[in-house]
Amino acid sequence: MMKLGITYLYTISTYGYPPKIEDDYKALADYEAMGFHYLEMEALGPQHAEEVWAHRSELRKRLDAHGICVHNFCAVDPDLVAVDDSKRTAAIERFRRTSELGVYLGTETLHLASYAPPVEYLTGRPYALGEDYAIPGQMLVRIPEGFEWNRVWAALIDSCRRCAEIAKALGKTVIMEPRVGEIICTSDSLLRLIGDVGMDNFKANFDTGHFSAARENIPICLAKMDGHFANIHISDNDLTTARHLAVGDGIIDWREVFRLLKVMNYDGYLGLDLGESPTLMDDLKKSVAFIKNICKQVGAEIEV
C-alpha cells in the first residue's frame, strides 16, 4: 500500500527559510491538524543541522506525540558537490553525522540534491541556501574561465558514491532529487548518474513537478525509471513556470500515473511537495482528496 505524506517545503513556505527548531515544532502541530502521519524532514545547511542535532531527543518526543513518522531525511549542503576536494570531503563528513541524525529520527531513506553548477549567475541562483526559496524564471549565466563539465560530473559521482557507502553501512538507501536548473534536472541525467554511481542503494527521488517543468511526460518518465526510484515527490505543474501546484490543478495525467504505480506494485511513499501559496493548507487538503479519488478509480490503495 502506498503512503501519502508531506514534504519539508510546507515548513519552509510557512515559517521561513531557513527554519529554526521552533518552526519545526510548530509545523509538527500543523501536520497533525491536517491529518498527515508521514514526513520528509530536512537539515537545511550546517547551522540548522546542528540545531536539529542538539534538540534531537526533544524532536523525536514531539514526533511521537504528534503521531508523525520521518521516513526521508535530507541533508542540504551544496558543498557536497563542490569540485574542490577538501570542501567536498568536509561536507561528506557532515553528511555522515546528518545520516546518523536521520537514522535516530527513524528515516528509511537519505536524500540528496545536485545543486546548481559552479557558473556565474547574472540572475537568481536556483535554490541558493540562505536566500529566498524560489526558482528564477530566467537564469542568465556566464561560464567562468577554466570551467570543465567533466570535473563537475566527476565530483557529483564521487560525492554520491561516498554518501551511498555511508548510508549502506547504516542499512539505508540514498535518493537523488532532480530539480530545475541544477546538475540533475531530467530523467535521463538522473538515470545516467545512477548508472555511473553503480551502487544498489543509490536510487532516484521521482519528482513529478520538476520533471513536468522540464517538459517531460510524467507517465513516460515513470515507465523509463521503473525500478530506479525509492520515493516520490508529488505536485502538479502547468508548464508556464516551475511552481508546484495542487494535484489536479495542472496538466499531469494523474489517472495514468496512479494506474502505472499500481501496475508497478509501488508500495512506497509519496510526499506532497507544495509551497509558496496563499492557500497552501487548502491546496494540501484538496490534493489529498484528489489523490484518494484517483486511487479509488484505478483500484490503487493509499493511506495518509
Protein backbone atom coordinates (compact mmCIF):
# COMPACT_ATOMS: atom_id res chain seq x y z
CA MET A 1 0.00 0.00 0.00
CA MET A 2 1.29 3.45 -0.92
CA LYS A 3 1.68 6.02 1.84
CA LEU A 4 0.90 9.71 1.29
CA GLY A 5 2.84 12.21 3.38
CA ILE A 6 4.09 15.77 3.26
CA THR A 7 7.48 17.28 2.47
CA TYR A 8 9.50 19.90 4.29
CA LEU A 9 8.53 22.51 1.70
CA TYR A 10 5.49 23.26 3.88
CA THR A 11 7.71 24.23 6.83
CA ILE A 12 9.92 26.41 4.63
CA SER A 13 6.99 28.16 2.95
CA THR A 14 5.05 28.72 6.16
CA TYR A 15 7.75 29.62 8.67
CA GLY A 16 10.63 30.96 6.58
CA TYR A 17 13.88 29.82 5.01
CA PRO A 18 15.99 28.51 6.56
CA PRO A 19 13.83 27.46 9.53
CA LYS A 20 14.66 27.23 13.22
CA ILE A 21 13.92 24.34 15.56
CA GLU A 22 10.92 26.24 16.97
CA ASP A 23 9.49 26.33 13.44
CA ASP A 24 9.94 22.58 13.18
CA TYR A 25 7.90 22.14 16.36
CA LYS A 26 5.13 24.43 15.08
CA ALA A 27 4.98 22.60 11.77
CA LEU A 28 4.53 19.23 13.50
CA ALA A 29 1.30 20.51 15.07
CA ASP A 30 0.17 21.70 11.64
CA TYR A 31 0.87 18.31 10.07
CA GLU A 32 -1.16 16.54 12.73
CA ALA A 33 -4.04 19.01 12.32
CA MET A 34 -4.08 18.33 8.55
CA GLY A 35 -4.11 14.57 9.14
CA PHE A 36 -0.60 13.71 7.94
CA HIS A 37 1.44 10.93 9.56
CA TYR A 38 4.44 10.73 7.20
CA LEU A 39 7.05 13.47 6.87
CA GLU A 40 10.13 14.20 4.80
CA MET A 41 12.35 16.31 7.02
CA GLU A 42 15.47 18.31 6.15
CA ALA A 43 18.60 19.66 7.77
CA LEU A 44 18.86 22.94 5.88
CA GLY A 45 22.55 23.73 5.94
CA PRO A 46 25.15 23.06 8.65
CA GLN A 47 23.66 25.57 11.12
CA HIS A 48 20.15 24.10 11.03
CA ALA A 49 21.62 20.58 11.09
CA GLU A 50 23.49 21.40 14.31
CA GLU A 51 20.35 22.89 15.83
CA VAL A 52 18.31 19.80 15.00
CA TRP A 53 21.12 17.58 16.33
CA ALA A 54 21.21 19.49 19.60
CA HIS A 55 17.44 19.09 20.02
CA ARG A 56 17.10 15.61 18.51
CA SER A 57 15.76 13.99 21.68
CA GLU A 58 13.02 16.61 22.10
CA LEU A 59 12.23 16.49 18.40
CA ARG A 60 11.75 12.73 18.47
CA LYS A 61 9.48 13.04 21.50
CA ARG A 62 7.36 15.60 19.67
CA LEU A 63 7.24 13.48 16.52
CA ASP A 64 5.91 10.60 18.60
CA ALA A 65 3.44 12.84 20.41
CA HIS A 66 2.02 14.11 17.11
CA GLY A 67 1.96 10.63 15.59
CA ILE A 68 4.37 11.55 12.79
CA CYS A 69 6.95 9.27 11.18
CA VAL A 70 10.04 10.72 9.47
CA HIS A 71 10.55 8.39 6.50
CA ASN A 72 13.03 10.51 4.50
CA PHE A 73 15.76 12.85 5.73
CA CYS A 74 17.58 15.33 3.52
CA ALA A 75 20.99 16.88 4.18
CA VAL A 76 21.04 20.25 2.40
CA ASP A 77 24.69 21.11 1.87
CA PRO A 78 25.82 22.48 -1.53
CA ASP A 79 29.46 21.70 -0.68
CA LEU A 80 28.60 18.04 -1.15
CA VAL A 81 29.09 18.61 -4.89
CA ALA A 82 31.99 21.07 -4.69
CA VAL A 83 34.73 20.46 -7.25
CA ASP A 84 37.23 21.39 -4.54
CA ASP A 85 38.18 18.03 -3.00
CA SER A 86 38.74 19.40 0.52
CA LYS A 87 35.37 21.19 0.62
CA ARG A 88 33.58 18.13 -0.70
CA THR A 89 35.27 15.80 1.78
CA ALA A 90 34.35 18.07 4.71
CA ALA A 91 30.73 18.13 3.52
CA ILE A 92 30.67 14.34 3.23
CA GLU A 93 31.82 14.10 6.85
CA ARG A 94 28.93 16.41 7.77
CA PHE A 95 26.65 14.09 5.79
CA ARG A 96 27.87 11.19 7.93
CA ARG A 97 26.62 12.93 11.06
CA THR A 98 23.42 14.09 9.39
CA SER A 99 22.78 10.50 8.32
CA GLU A 100 23.11 9.37 11.92
CA LEU A 101 20.61 12.09 12.85
CA GLY A 102 18.18 10.82 10.22
CA VAL A 103 18.55 7.27 11.49
CA TYR A 104 17.92 8.47 15.04
CA LEU A 105 14.66 10.05 13.84
CA GLY A 106 13.65 6.80 12.15
CA THR A 107 14.22 7.56 8.47
CA GLU A 108 14.17 4.87 5.78
CA THR A 109 15.94 6.92 3.09
CA LEU A 110 18.55 9.67 2.99
CA HIS A 111 18.00 12.42 0.44
CA LEU A 112 20.46 14.35 -1.76
CA ALA A 113 20.26 17.16 -4.32
CA SER A 114 22.74 18.03 -7.07
CA TYR A 115 22.61 21.85 -6.71
CA ALA A 116 23.45 24.49 -9.30
CA PRO A 117 26.55 24.09 -11.48
CA PRO A 118 29.51 26.32 -10.44
CA VAL A 119 28.96 29.05 -13.03
CA GLU A 120 28.33 32.78 -12.67
CA TYR A 121 24.63 33.60 -12.27
CA LEU A 122 23.61 37.03 -13.53
CA THR A 123 20.06 36.50 -12.30
CA GLY A 124 18.91 34.44 -9.31
CA ARG A 125 20.54 31.13 -8.48
CA PRO A 126 18.20 28.15 -8.19
CA TYR A 127 17.67 27.15 -4.55
CA ALA A 128 20.55 29.18 -3.15
CA LEU A 129 20.90 28.27 0.53
CA GLY A 130 20.12 31.22 2.79
CA GLU A 131 18.20 33.12 0.10
CA ASP A 132 14.52 33.11 -0.83
CA TYR A 133 13.33 29.60 -1.66
CA ALA A 134 12.46 30.14 -5.32
CA ILE A 135 13.28 29.15 -8.88
CA PRO A 136 14.02 32.15 -11.13
CA GLY A 137 12.01 32.22 -14.34
CA GLN A 138 15.08 33.11 -16.36
CA MET A 139 18.61 32.13 -15.40
CA LEU A 140 21.27 34.11 -17.23
CA VAL A 141 24.77 32.71 -16.70
CA ARG A 142 28.35 33.28 -17.71
CA ILE A 143 30.71 30.33 -17.97
CA PRO A 144 33.85 31.13 -15.95
CA GLU A 145 37.33 30.59 -17.30
CA GLY A 146 38.56 27.08 -16.63
CA PHE A 147 35.07 25.60 -16.24
CA GLU A 148 35.04 21.90 -17.11
CA TRP A 149 31.76 19.97 -17.07
CA ASN A 150 33.57 16.64 -16.66
CA ARG A 151 35.06 17.87 -13.36
CA VAL A 152 31.59 18.86 -12.14
CA TRP A 153 30.19 15.46 -13.10
CA ALA A 154 33.11 13.57 -11.55
CA ALA A 155 32.68 15.46 -8.26
CA LEU A 156 28.97 14.61 -8.21
CA ILE A 157 29.65 10.91 -8.83
CA ASP A 158 32.34 10.84 -6.12
CA SER A 159 30.05 12.52 -3.60
CA CYS A 160 27.04 10.31 -4.34
CA ARG A 161 29.11 7.14 -4.16
CA ARG A 162 30.70 8.09 -0.85
CA CYS A 163 27.33 9.12 0.60
CA ALA A 164 25.83 5.84 -0.58
CA GLU A 165 28.67 3.96 1.15
CA ILE A 166 27.89 5.80 4.40
CA ALA A 167 24.20 5.00 4.01
CA LYS A 168 24.88 1.35 3.19
CA ALA A 169 26.76 0.93 6.47
CA LEU A 170 23.62 2.23 8.19
CA GLY A 171 21.33 -0.04 6.18
CA LYS A 172 19.76 2.88 4.28
CA THR A 173 19.09 3.91 0.69
CA VAL A 174 20.21 7.26 -0.74
CA ILE A 175 17.91 9.03 -3.19
CA MET A 176 18.77 11.89 -5.56
CA GLU A 177 16.24 14.59 -6.38
CA PRO A 178 16.03 16.22 -9.83
CA ARG A 179 15.40 19.98 -9.77
CA VAL A 180 15.03 22.60 -12.46
CA GLY A 181 18.29 24.43 -13.17
CA GLU A 182 20.53 22.02 -11.28
CA ILE A 183 23.13 19.46 -12.41
CA ILE A 184 20.46 16.75 -12.27
CA CYS A 185 17.26 18.11 -13.81
CA THR A 186 15.90 15.41 -16.14
CA SER A 187 15.12 11.70 -16.02
CA ASP A 188 17.97 10.91 -18.42
CA SER A 189 20.58 12.79 -16.36
CA LEU A 190 19.30 11.03 -13.24
CA LEU A 191 19.45 7.59 -14.86
CA ARG A 192 22.97 8.33 -16.10
CA LEU A 193 24.03 9.31 -12.58
CA ILE A 194 22.53 6.15 -11.08
CA GLY A 195 24.45 4.08 -13.61
CA ASP A 196 27.72 5.94 -13.04
CA VAL A 197 27.48 5.70 -9.23
CA GLY A 198 26.82 1.98 -9.61
CA MET A 199 25.56 1.14 -6.11
CA ASP A 200 22.39 -0.82 -5.40
CA ASN A 201 21.36 1.53 -2.57
CA PHE A 202 21.58 4.66 -4.73
CA LYS A 203 18.26 5.49 -6.39
CA ALA A 204 16.07 8.36 -7.55
CA ASN A 205 13.57 10.55 -5.84
CA PHE A 206 10.92 10.78 -8.58
CA ASP A 207 9.66 14.39 -8.69
CA THR A 208 6.53 14.97 -10.79
CA GLY A 209 6.61 18.77 -10.52
CA HIS A 210 10.23 19.18 -11.56
CA PHE A 211 10.06 16.62 -14.36
CA SER A 212 6.95 18.32 -15.74
CA ALA A 213 8.58 21.76 -15.51
CA ALA A 214 11.45 20.30 -17.56
CA ARG A 215 8.83 19.41 -20.20
CA GLU A 216 8.92 15.68 -19.55
CA ASN A 217 5.85 13.46 -19.83
CA ILE A 218 5.30 12.01 -16.37
CA PRO A 219 3.85 8.58 -17.33
CA ILE A 220 6.74 8.06 -19.79
CA CYS A 221 9.19 9.10 -17.05
CA LEU A 222 7.66 6.56 -14.68
CA ALA A 223 7.94 3.77 -17.25
CA LYS A 224 11.53 4.80 -18.01
CA MET A 225 12.55 4.87 -14.34
CA ASP A 226 10.68 1.76 -13.18
CA GLY A 227 12.81 0.06 -10.52
CA HIS A 228 15.14 3.03 -10.13
CA PHE A 229 13.21 5.24 -7.69
CA ALA A 230 12.59 4.79 -3.97
CA ASN A 231 10.41 7.82 -3.19
CA ILE A 232 8.08 10.23 -4.99
CA HIS A 233 7.58 13.97 -4.64
CA ILE A 234 4.11 14.75 -5.88
CA SER A 235 2.86 18.10 -7.15
CA ASP A 236 1.22 19.36 -10.32
CA ASN A 237 2.60 21.79 -12.89
CA ASP A 238 1.14 23.88 -15.72
CA LEU A 239 4.29 24.23 -17.89
CA THR A 240 4.33 28.04 -17.54
CA THR A 241 6.68 28.06 -14.53
CA ALA A 242 8.34 25.56 -12.20
CA ARG A 243 5.78 26.26 -9.46
CA HIS A 244 4.45 23.24 -7.56
CA LEU A 245 0.66 23.31 -7.88
CA ALA A 246 -2.06 21.42 -6.05
CA VAL A 247 -2.54 17.96 -7.52
CA GLY A 248 -5.23 18.27 -10.20
CA ASP A 249 -4.59 21.96 -10.93
CA GLY A 250 -2.08 21.36 -13.74
CA ILE A 251 -1.59 19.26 -16.84
CA ILE A 252 -0.27 15.96 -15.44
CA ASP A 253 -2.31 12.86 -16.32
CA TRP A 254 -2.80 11.59 -12.79
CA ARG A 255 -5.08 8.71 -13.70
CA GLU A 256 -2.32 7.19 -15.83
CA VAL A 257 0.31 7.97 -13.18
CA PHE A 258 -1.54 6.07 -10.47
CA ARG A 259 -2.54 3.27 -12.83
CA LEU A 260 1.15 2.75 -13.59
CA LEU A 261 2.13 2.88 -9.92
CA LYS A 262 -0.41 0.13 -9.27
CA VAL A 263 0.97 -1.96 -12.16
CA MET A 264 4.50 -1.45 -10.78
CA ASN A 265 3.31 -2.58 -7.32
CA TYR A 266 4.82 0.58 -5.85
CA ASP A 267 4.23 0.49 -2.10
CA GLY A 268 6.47 3.36 -1.01
CA TYR A 269 5.91 6.98 -0.07
CA LEU A 270 4.51 9.95 -1.94
CA GLY A 271 5.35 13.31 -0.39
CA LEU A 272 3.02 16.19 -1.20
CA ASP A 273 5.52 18.85 -2.24
CA LEU A 274 3.52 22.08 -2.19
CA GLY A 275 4.53 25.55 -1.06
CA GLU A 276 4.57 29.29 -1.72
CA SER A 277 0.81 29.61 -2.00
CA PRO A 278 -1.56 31.89 -0.06
CA THR A 279 -3.96 28.92 0.09
CA LEU A 280 -1.38 26.28 0.99
CA MET A 281 -3.42 24.37 3.58
CA ASP A 282 -6.43 24.28 1.26
CA ASP A 283 -4.19 23.15 -1.60
CA LEU A 284 -2.84 20.30 0.52
CA LYS A 285 -6.31 19.17 1.62
CA LYS A 286 -7.61 19.40 -1.96
CA SER A 287 -4.65 17.37 -3.20
CA VAL A 288 -5.25 14.62 -0.65
CA ALA A 289 -8.92 14.36 -1.68
CA PHE A 290 -7.98 14.34 -5.38
CA ILE A 291 -5.36 11.61 -4.92
CA LYS A 292 -7.71 9.43 -2.88
CA ASN A 293 -10.37 9.75 -5.59
CA ILE A 294 -7.94 8.87 -8.42
CA CYS A 295 -6.64 5.88 -6.46
CA LYS A 296 -10.20 4.67 -5.98
CA GLN A 297 -10.83 4.98 -9.72
CA VAL A 298 -7.79 2.85 -10.68
CA GLY A 299 -8.03 0.44 -7.75
CA ALA A 300 -4.81 1.55 -6.05
CA GLU A 301 -4.50 1.52 -2.26
CA ILE A 302 -3.15 4.52 -0.38
CA GLU A 303 -3.07 5.68 3.23
CA VAL A 304 -2.35 9.11 4.70
